C-alpha atoms as a PDB file:
ATOM      1  CA  MET A   1      -1.384 -59.576 -45.527  1.00  0.00           C
ATOM      2  CA  ARG A   2       2.601 -59.926 -45.176  1.00  0.00           C
ATOM      3  CA  ILE A   3       4.269 -59.028 -41.537  1.00  0.00           C
ATOM      4  CA  ALA A   4       6.557 -56.047 -43.737  1.00  0.00           C
ATOM      5  CA  ASP A   5       2.777 -55.221 -44.650  1.00  0.00           C
ATOM      6  CA  ALA A   6       0.953 -55.279 -41.172  1.00  0.00           C
ATOM      7  CA  TYR A   7       4.088 -53.880 -39.367  1.00  0.00           C
ATOM      8  CA  GLY A   8       4.097 -50.499 -41.426  1.00  0.00           C
ATOM      9  CA  LEU A   9       0.349 -50.011 -41.354  1.00  0.00           C
ATOM     10  CA  LEU A  10       0.982 -50.028 -37.125  1.00  0.00           C
ATOM     11  CA  SER A  11       4.061 -47.983 -37.341  1.00  0.00           C
ATOM     12  CA  TRP A  12       2.580 -45.142 -39.603  1.00  0.00           C
ATOM     13  CA  PRO A  13       2.303 -42.847 -36.459  1.00  0.00           C
ATOM     14  CA  LEU A  14       6.315 -43.008 -35.668  1.00  0.00           C
ATOM     15  CA  GLY A  15       7.021 -41.453 -39.669  1.00  0.00           C
ATOM     16  CA  VAL A  16       4.364 -39.088 -39.203  1.00  0.00           C
ATOM     17  CA  ALA A  17       6.455 -38.314 -35.960  1.00  0.00           C
ATOM     18  CA  ARG A  18       9.540 -38.544 -37.753  1.00  0.00           C
ATOM     19  CA  ALA A  19       8.568 -36.443 -40.776  1.00  0.00           C
ATOM     20  CA  ALA A  20       7.078 -33.641 -38.207  1.00  0.00           C
ATOM     21  CA  SER A  21      10.550 -33.898 -36.089  1.00  0.00           C
ATOM     22  CA  ALA A  22      12.460 -32.923 -39.347  1.00  0.00           C
ATOM     23  CA  GLU A  23       9.980 -30.288 -39.919  1.00  0.00           C
ATOM     24  CA  LEU A  24       9.929 -28.267 -37.215  1.00  0.00           C
ATOM     25  CA  GLY A  25      13.753 -28.985 -36.049  1.00  0.00           C
ATOM     26  CA  ALA A  26      15.164 -26.389 -33.176  1.00  0.00           C
ATOM     27  CA  ARG A  27      11.188 -25.593 -32.951  1.00  0.00           C
ATOM     28  CA  VAL A  28      10.241 -28.978 -31.279  1.00  0.00           C
ATOM     29  CA  ASP A  29      11.359 -30.048 -27.605  1.00  0.00           C
ATOM     30  CA  PRO A  30      14.617 -31.712 -27.674  1.00  0.00           C
ATOM     31  CA  ILE A  31      13.794 -34.429 -25.444  1.00  0.00           C
ATOM     32  CA  ALA A  32      10.560 -35.194 -27.804  1.00  0.00           C
ATOM     33  CA  ARG A  33      12.945 -35.331 -30.932  1.00  0.00           C
ATOM     34  CA  LEU A  34      15.313 -37.446 -28.914  1.00  0.00           C
ATOM     35  CA  ILE A  35      12.623 -39.799 -28.502  1.00  0.00           C
ATOM     36  CA  SER A  36      11.467 -39.952 -31.941  1.00  0.00           C
ATOM     37  CA  ARG A  37      15.148 -40.613 -33.212  1.00  0.00           C
ATOM     38  CA  ARG A  38      15.438 -43.219 -30.753  1.00  0.00           C
ATOM     39  CA  LEU A  39      12.095 -45.255 -31.295  1.00  0.00           C
ATOM     40  CA  GLY A  40      12.675 -44.939 -35.290  1.00  0.00           C
ATOM     41  CA  ARG A  41      16.278 -47.200 -34.821  1.00  0.00           C
ATOM     42  CA  HIS A  42      13.120 -49.647 -33.891  1.00  0.00           C
ATOM     43  CA  ARG A  43      11.459 -49.487 -37.655  1.00  0.00           C
ATOM     44  CA  SER A  44      13.847 -51.704 -40.191  1.00  0.00           C
ATOM     45  CA  ALA A  45      11.695 -52.230 -42.953  1.00  0.00           C
ATOM     46  CA  SER A  46       9.046 -50.589 -44.890  1.00  0.00           C
ATOM     47  CA  THR A  47       5.691 -51.141 -46.706  1.00  0.00           C
ATOM     48  CA  ASP A  48       6.621 -52.804 -49.354  1.00  0.00           C
ATOM     49  CA  GLY A  49       9.535 -55.211 -47.929  1.00  0.00           C
ATOM     50  CA  ALA A  50      12.773 -53.178 -48.301  1.00  0.00           C
ATOM     51  CA  GLU A  51      15.096 -52.345 -46.264  1.00  0.00           C
ATOM     52  CA  LEU A  52      15.790 -49.032 -44.415  1.00  0.00           C
ATOM     53  CA  PRO A  53      19.059 -47.553 -43.420  1.00  0.00           C
ATOM     54  CA  ALA A  54      19.320 -48.069 -39.488  1.00  0.00           C
ATOM     55  CA  ALA A  55      19.068 -44.290 -38.063  1.00  0.00           C
ATOM     56  CA  PRO A  56      22.158 -43.260 -36.864  1.00  0.00           C
ATOM     57  CA  ALA A  57      23.667 -43.978 -33.461  1.00  0.00           C
ATOM     58  CA  VAL A  58      21.946 -41.253 -30.731  1.00  0.00           C
ATOM     59  CA  ASP A  59      24.336 -40.867 -26.798  1.00  0.00           C
ATOM     60  CA  LEU A  60      20.881 -40.813 -24.964  1.00  0.00           C
ATOM     61  CA  ARG A  61      23.288 -38.845 -22.498  1.00  0.00           C
ATOM     62  CA  GLU A  62      24.485 -36.036 -23.911  1.00  0.00           C
ATOM     63  CA  HIS A  63      21.358 -34.681 -25.491  1.00  0.00           C
ATOM     64  CA  VAL A  64      19.505 -35.033 -22.163  1.00  0.00           C
ATOM     65  CA  GLU A  65      22.237 -33.069 -20.471  1.00  0.00           C
ATOM     66  CA  HIS A  66      21.534 -30.783 -23.561  1.00  0.00           C
ATOM     67  CA  ALA A  67      18.015 -30.009 -23.566  1.00  0.00           C
ATOM     68  CA  ARG A  68      17.998 -29.625 -19.460  1.00  0.00           C
ATOM     69  CA  PHE A  69      19.954 -26.379 -20.452  1.00  0.00           C
ATOM     70  CA  TRP A  70      17.437 -25.439 -23.762  1.00  0.00           C
ATOM     71  CA  LEU A  71      15.917 -22.267 -23.089  1.00  0.00           C
ATOM     72  CA  GLY A  72      13.711 -21.943 -25.993  1.00  0.00           C
ATOM     73  CA  PRO A  73      14.527 -20.308 -29.647  1.00  0.00           C
ATOM     74  CA  ALA A  74      17.604 -18.229 -30.055  1.00  0.00           C
ATOM     75  CA  GLN A  75      14.788 -15.379 -31.617  1.00  0.00           C
ATOM     76  CA  PRO A  76      11.879 -14.677 -29.565  1.00  0.00           C
ATOM     77  CA  THR A  77       8.441 -14.441 -31.136  1.00  0.00           C
ATOM     78  CA  ALA A  78       7.139 -11.452 -31.986  1.00  0.00           C
ATOM     79  CA  GLN A  79       4.596  -9.822 -29.946  1.00  0.00           C
ATOM     80  CA  PRO A  80       1.596  -8.247 -31.670  1.00  0.00           C
ATOM     81  CA  ALA A  81       1.355  -4.479 -31.863  1.00  0.00           C
ATOM     82  CA  VAL A  82      -0.900  -4.765 -29.215  1.00  0.00           C
ATOM     83  CA  TRP A  83       0.400  -6.340 -26.814  1.00  0.00           C
ATOM     84  CA  GLY A  84       1.885  -3.267 -24.992  1.00  0.00           C
ATOM     85  CA  ALA A  85      -2.099  -1.595 -25.292  1.00  0.00           C
ATOM     86  CA  LEU A  86      -3.588  -5.049 -23.178  1.00  0.00           C
ATOM     87  CA  LEU A  87      -0.473  -3.953 -20.585  1.00  0.00           C
ATOM     88  CA  ASP A  88      -1.102  -0.449 -19.682  1.00  0.00           C
ATOM     89  CA  PRO A  89      -4.199   1.010 -21.804  1.00  0.00           C
ATOM     90  CA  GLU A  90      -2.895   4.551 -20.955  1.00  0.00           C
ATOM     91  CA  PRO A  91       1.019   4.215 -21.771  1.00  0.00           C
ATOM     92  CA  GLY A  92       3.098   7.148 -20.467  1.00  0.00           C
ATOM     93  CA  GLU A  93       4.248   9.153 -17.757  1.00  0.00           C
ATOM     94  CA  LEU A  94       1.805   9.953 -14.734  1.00  0.00           C
ATOM     95  CA  PRO A  95       0.597  13.500 -14.948  1.00  0.00           C
ATOM     96  CA  ASP A  96       2.414  15.973 -12.655  1.00  0.00           C
ATOM     97  CA  THR A  97      -1.530  16.684 -11.211  1.00  0.00           C
ATOM     98  CA  TYR A  98      -4.802  15.743 -11.665  1.00  0.00           C
ATOM     99  CA  GLY A  99      -6.951  18.753 -11.030  1.00  0.00           C
ATOM    100  CA  VAL A 100      -9.106  17.899  -7.859  1.00  0.00           C
ATOM    101  CA  ASP A 101      -8.694  19.871  -4.810  1.00  0.00           C
ATOM    102  CA  ARG A 102      -7.804  17.094  -2.505  1.00  0.00           C
ATOM    103  CA  ALA A 103      -5.308  16.320   0.942  1.00  0.00           C
ATOM    104  CA  VAL A 104      -4.616  12.151   2.162  1.00  0.00           C
ATOM    105  CA  VAL A 105      -2.974  11.720   4.997  1.00  0.00           C
ATOM    106  CA  VAL A 106      -1.257   8.262   5.995  1.00  0.00           C
ATOM    107  CA  PRO A 107       0.436   7.389   9.189  1.00  0.00           C
ATOM    108  CA  ARG A 108       4.547   6.467   8.787  1.00  0.00           C
ATOM    109  CA  ASP A 109       5.185   5.455  12.313  1.00  0.00           C
ATOM    110  CA  PRO A 110       3.700   5.537  16.276  1.00  0.00           C
ATOM    111  CA  TRP A 111       5.070   9.634  15.928  1.00  0.00           C
ATOM    112  CA  TRP A 112       4.765  10.558  11.953  1.00  0.00           C
ATOM    113  CA  LEU A 113       2.551  11.335   9.626  1.00  0.00           C
ATOM    114  CA  PHE A 114       2.411  11.607   6.060  1.00  0.00           C
ATOM    115  CA  VAL A 115       0.841  14.051   3.560  1.00  0.00           C
ATOM    116  CA  PHE A 116       0.356  14.938   0.286  1.00  0.00           C
ATOM    117  CA  TRP A 117      -2.404  17.418  -1.684  1.00  0.00           C
ATOM    118  CA  GLU A 118      -3.114  18.716  -4.545  1.00  0.00           C
ATOM    119  CA  ILE A 119      -4.698  22.274  -5.184  1.00  0.00           C
ATOM    120  CA  THR A 120      -5.896  23.630  -8.305  1.00  0.00           C
ATOM    121  CA  PRO A 121      -5.342  27.382  -9.480  1.00  0.00           C
ATOM    122  CA  ALA A 122      -9.029  27.856  -9.366  1.00  0.00           C
ATOM    123  CA  LYS A 123      -9.451  27.292  -5.695  1.00  0.00           C
ATOM    124  CA  ARG A 124      -6.437  29.212  -4.531  1.00  0.00           C
ATOM    125  CA  GLU A 125      -7.383  32.254  -6.530  1.00  0.00           C
ATOM    126  CA  ALA A 126     -10.626  31.955  -4.666  1.00  0.00           C
ATOM    127  CA  ALA A 127      -9.215  31.884  -1.347  1.00  0.00           C
ATOM    128  CA  LEU A 128      -6.888  34.688  -2.276  1.00  0.00           C
ATOM    129  CA  ALA A 129     -10.057  37.027  -3.779  1.00  0.00           C
ATOM    130  CA  ALA A 130     -12.013  36.105  -0.177  1.00  0.00           C
ATOM    131  CA  LEU A 131      -9.018  37.374   1.759  1.00  0.00           C
ATOM    132  CA  GLY A 132      -8.891  40.764   0.351  1.00  0.00           C
ATOM    133  CA  ASN A 133      -5.950  42.375   1.098  1.00  0.00           C
ATOM    134  CA  ASP A 134      -4.841  40.025   4.163  1.00  0.00           C
ATOM    135  CA  ALA A 135      -3.830  37.273   1.065  1.00  0.00           C
ATOM    136  CA  GLU A 136      -0.605  39.273   0.264  1.00  0.00           C
ATOM    137  CA  HIS A 137       1.746  37.640   2.612  1.00  0.00           C
ATOM    138  CA  VAL A 138       0.114  34.660   3.376  1.00  0.00           C
ATOM    139  CA  ARG A 139       1.811  31.656   3.536  1.00  0.00           C
ATOM    140  CA  PRO A 140       0.716  27.812   2.627  1.00  0.00           C
ATOM    141  CA  THR A 141      -0.448  25.977   6.603  1.00  0.00           C
ATOM    142  CA  LEU A 142      -1.036  22.580   7.544  1.00  0.00           C
ATOM    143  CA  ARG A 143      -3.411  22.672  10.453  1.00  0.00           C
ATOM    144  CA  VAL A 144      -2.647  19.178  12.188  1.00  0.00           C
ATOM    145  CA  LEU A 145      -6.243  18.237  14.316  1.00  0.00           C
ATOM    146  CA  ASP A 146      -6.080  15.764  16.486  1.00  0.00           C
ATOM    147  CA  VAL A 147      -9.308  14.054  16.647  1.00  0.00           C
ATOM    148  CA  THR A 148      -8.899  11.509  18.635  1.00  0.00           C
ATOM    149  CA  PHE A 149     -12.173  10.203  20.364  1.00  0.00           C
ATOM    150  CA  VAL A 150     -14.148  13.125  18.783  1.00  0.00           C
ATOM    151  CA  ASP A 151     -15.827  13.937  15.768  1.00  0.00           C
ATOM    152  CA  PRO A 152     -13.735  14.610  12.852  1.00  0.00           C
ATOM    153  CA  ARG A 153     -16.923  16.678  11.631  1.00  0.00           C
ATOM    154  CA  GLY A 154     -16.503  19.398  13.979  1.00  0.00           C
ATOM    155  CA  ASN A 155     -13.677  22.056  14.863  1.00  0.00           C
ATOM    156  CA  PRO A 156     -11.307  19.701  17.236  1.00  0.00           C
ATOM    157  CA  SER A 157      -9.513  21.602  20.219  1.00  0.00           C
ATOM    158  CA  LEU A 158      -5.941  20.472  20.046  1.00  0.00           C
ATOM    159  CA  SER A 159      -4.474  21.088  17.325  1.00  0.00           C
ATOM    160  CA  PHE A 160      -1.011  23.350  15.701  1.00  0.00           C
ATOM    161  CA  ASP A 161       0.193  24.314  12.836  1.00  0.00           C
ATOM    162  CA  VAL A 162       3.413  23.482  10.143  1.00  0.00           C
ATOM    163  CA  GLU A 163       3.579  26.321   7.703  1.00  0.00           C
ATOM    164  CA  VAL A 164       5.625  24.579   4.135  1.00  0.00           C
ATOM    165  CA  PRO A 165       6.979  26.287   1.668  1.00  0.00           C
ATOM    166  CA  ALA A 166       4.696  27.402  -1.221  1.00  0.00           C
ATOM    167  CA  THR A 167       5.876  24.883  -3.982  1.00  0.00           C
ATOM    168  CA  ALA A 168       5.355  22.273  -1.258  1.00  0.00           C
ATOM    169  CA  GLU A 169       3.130  19.130  -2.388  1.00  0.00           C
ATOM    170  CA  SER A 170       3.675  17.029   0.276  1.00  0.00           C
ATOM    171  CA  TRP A 171       5.238  16.649   3.516  1.00  0.00           C
ATOM    172  CA  TYR A 172       6.196  15.104   7.212  1.00  0.00           C
ATOM    173  CA  VAL A 173       4.524  15.906   9.617  1.00  0.00           C
ATOM    174  CA  ASN A 174       6.201  14.789  13.565  1.00  0.00           C
ATOM    175  CA  VAL A 175       2.978  14.372  15.991  1.00  0.00           C
ATOM    176  CA  GLY A 176       4.275  13.051  18.554  1.00  0.00           C
ATOM    177  CA  ARG A 177       1.873  10.945  19.961  1.00  0.00           C
ATOM    178  CA  PRO A 178       1.348   7.585  18.925  1.00  0.00           C
ATOM    179  CA  ALA A 179      -2.250   5.713  18.604  1.00  0.00           C
ATOM    180  CA  ALA A 180      -3.981   8.966  17.970  1.00  0.00           C
ATOM    181  CA  SER A 181      -6.352   9.870  15.218  1.00  0.00           C
ATOM    182  CA  TYR A 182      -5.512  13.261  13.131  1.00  0.00           C
ATOM    183  CA  CYS A 183      -6.705  14.500  10.065  1.00  0.00           C
ATOM    184  CA  VAL A 184      -5.269  17.444   8.235  1.00  0.00           C
ATOM    185  CA  GLU A 185      -6.556  20.605   6.809  1.00  0.00           C
ATOM    186  CA  VAL A 186      -4.348  22.374   3.948  1.00  0.00           C
ATOM    187  CA  GLY A 187      -5.020  26.056   4.010  1.00  0.00           C
ATOM    188  CA  LEU A 188      -3.693  29.731   4.271  1.00  0.00           C
ATOM    189  CA  ARG A 189      -2.546  31.703   7.049  1.00  0.00           C
ATOM    190  CA  THR A 190      -2.251  35.808   6.805  1.00  0.00           C
ATOM    191  CA  THR A 191       0.167  37.533   9.449  1.00  0.00           C
ATOM    192  CA  SER A 192      -3.000  38.494  11.257  1.00  0.00           C
ATOM    193  CA  GLY A 193      -3.138  35.093  12.400  1.00  0.00           C
ATOM    194  CA  ILE A 194      -6.269  34.147   9.952  1.00  0.00           C
ATOM    195  CA  PHE A 195      -6.442  30.223   8.683  1.00  0.00           C
ATOM    196  CA  LEU A 196      -8.006  29.650   5.919  1.00  0.00           C
ATOM    197  CA  PRO A 197      -8.797  26.443   4.742  1.00  0.00           C
ATOM    198  CA  LEU A 198      -8.664  25.038   1.075  1.00  0.00           C
ATOM    199  CA  VAL A 199      -9.316  21.095   2.054  1.00  0.00           C
ATOM    200  CA  ARG A 200      -9.447  18.481   4.537  1.00  0.00           C
ATOM    201  CA  SER A 201      -7.621  15.049   4.373  1.00  0.00           C
ATOM    202  CA  ASN A 202      -8.993  11.601   5.844  1.00  0.00           C
ATOM    203  CA  VAL A 203      -8.641  10.994   9.336  1.00  0.00           C
ATOM    204  CA  ALA A 204      -5.571   8.671   9.516  1.00  0.00           C
ATOM    205  CA  ALA A 205      -4.434   6.509  13.205  1.00  0.00           C
ATOM    206  CA  THR A 206      -0.788   6.281  14.008  1.00  0.00           C
ATOM    207  CA  PRO A 207       0.074   2.753  15.390  1.00  0.00           C
ATOM    208  CA  ARG A 208       0.506   1.659  19.168  1.00  0.00           C
ATOM    209  CA  ALA A 209       4.336   2.392  20.410  1.00  0.00           C
ATOM    210  CA  THR A 210       4.319  -1.028  22.426  1.00  0.00           C
ATOM    211  CA  PRO A 211       2.994  -4.162  22.286  1.00  0.00           C
ATOM    212  CA  SER A 212      -0.697  -4.757  22.853  1.00  0.00           C
ATOM    213  CA  PRO A 213      -1.728  -5.629  26.701  1.00  0.00           C
ATOM    214  CA  ASP A 214      -4.281  -7.930  24.592  1.00  0.00           C
ATOM    215  CA  ARG A 215      -2.557 -11.039  25.405  1.00  0.00           C
ATOM    216  CA  LYS A 216      -5.731 -13.528  24.888  1.00  0.00           C
ATOM    217  CA  VAL A 217      -5.555 -16.222  22.190  1.00  0.00           C
ATOM    218  CA  ARG A 218      -8.600 -16.617  20.217  1.00  0.00           C
ATOM    219  CA  TRP A 219      -9.323 -20.076  17.737  1.00  0.00           C
ATOM    220  CA  LEU A 220     -11.152 -19.790  15.063  1.00  0.00           C
ATOM    221  CA  GLU A 221     -12.415 -23.185  13.479  1.00  0.00           C
ATOM    222  CA  PHE A 222     -13.517 -23.352   9.130  1.00  0.00           C
ATOM    223  CA  GLY A 223     -14.923 -25.980   7.533  1.00  0.00           C
ATOM    224  CA  PRO A 224     -15.476 -26.981   4.531  1.00  0.00           C
ATOM    225  CA  THR A 225     -17.129 -23.963   2.877  1.00  0.00           C
ATOM    226  CA  GLY A 226     -15.163 -20.900   5.466  1.00  0.00           C
ATOM    227  CA  PRO A 227     -15.304 -20.205   9.065  1.00  0.00           C
ATOM    228  CA  ALA A 228     -17.353 -22.525  11.161  1.00  0.00           C
ATOM    229  CA  TRP A 229     -19.479 -19.987  13.317  1.00  0.00           C
ATOM    230  CA  SER A 230     -22.284 -21.111  15.678  1.00  0.00           C
ATOM    231  CA  SER A 231     -25.136 -19.268  16.085  1.00  0.00           C
ATOM    232  CA  GLU A 232     -23.794 -17.650  19.618  1.00  0.00           C
ATOM    233  CA  GLN A 233     -20.879 -16.356  17.972  1.00  0.00           C
ATOM    234  CA  ARG A 234     -22.250 -15.538  14.948  1.00  0.00           C
ATOM    235  CA  ASN A 235     -24.541 -13.055  16.940  1.00  0.00           C
ATOM    236  CA  GLY A 236     -22.117 -12.160  19.313  1.00  0.00           C
ATOM    237  CA  ARG A 237     -23.781 -13.297  21.904  1.00  0.00           C
ATOM    238  CA  ALA A 238     -20.766 -16.181  23.008  1.00  0.00           C
ATOM    239  CA  ALA A 239     -16.921 -15.333  22.618  1.00  0.00           C
ATOM    240  CA  PRO A 240     -14.686 -18.281  21.624  1.00  0.00           C
ATOM    241  CA  SER A 241     -13.196 -20.019  24.138  1.00  0.00           C
ATOM    242  CA  VAL A 242      -9.457 -19.054  24.953  1.00  0.00           C
ATOM    243  CA  PRO A 243      -7.500 -22.704  26.252  1.00  0.00           C
ATOM    244  CA  SER A 244      -5.289 -22.843  28.454  1.00  0.00           C
ATOM    245  CA  GLY A 245      -1.506 -23.235  28.241  1.00  0.00           C
ATOM    246  CA  ASP A 246      -1.595 -26.602  28.408  1.00  0.00           C
ATOM    247  CA  ALA A 247      -3.877 -26.918  25.452  1.00  0.00           C
ATOM    248  CA  LEU A 248      -1.930 -25.142  23.626  1.00  0.00           C
ATOM    249  CA  LEU A 249       0.691 -27.545  23.639  1.00  0.00           C
ATOM    250  CA  ALA A 250      -1.360 -30.960  23.303  1.00  0.00           C
ATOM    251  CA  PRO A 251      -1.372 -32.652  19.991  1.00  0.00           C
ATOM    252  CA  SER A 252      -4.870 -32.624  18.172  1.00  0.00           C
ATOM    253  CA  ASP A 253      -6.789 -35.293  17.448  1.00  0.00           C
END
């Protein structure tokens, strides 16, 4: 076997790479095309011994600079028709109502709560029918209940009412007491002072307005599979040790 024939057999993968690079064109990574053309210059003979024309000189620096800013094909590939359905099974706007009687309260800061609610027409009509003659001049009202240290399912002694517009579906309430727990009842109040609750919210606690008085430092050691609790700490019989201030500055081993 001639040396040229052996070289041709060994260099056939390079020929395949060059052909694939020429066929794909701009769809191939420019750095891969650059390496393919650069290596192709070293092949000077074919399997039959005939000389091949040398590849044109390539400025590697110029191609590398262009490759740094290559962002892909100019025309983006078309997404399948089902693509939007995979991202959003129910495309469209959110509904204004969900047909569920409920109220939700969340704390905004130590002094304010945010309440939003939904009362279905059937619930409101049933409440107006229950009020009878007093239903003529009812006002939508929020009754804010202070349930700090008490059972929220009962009737706390501390409460106040906030009248809201008939079209309101959310409201900010100033409670003026940090570090306390509240729940809100959305209902109707008559001119005679009768309050008919329609729905009660969850319990929300306002954060404290000052730094926590607890300044202890608690340490937790982690093992390969998670927190390395001792049997005493796991059973609540011993608290984690609290190092002194000097220990906080000492380097660990």
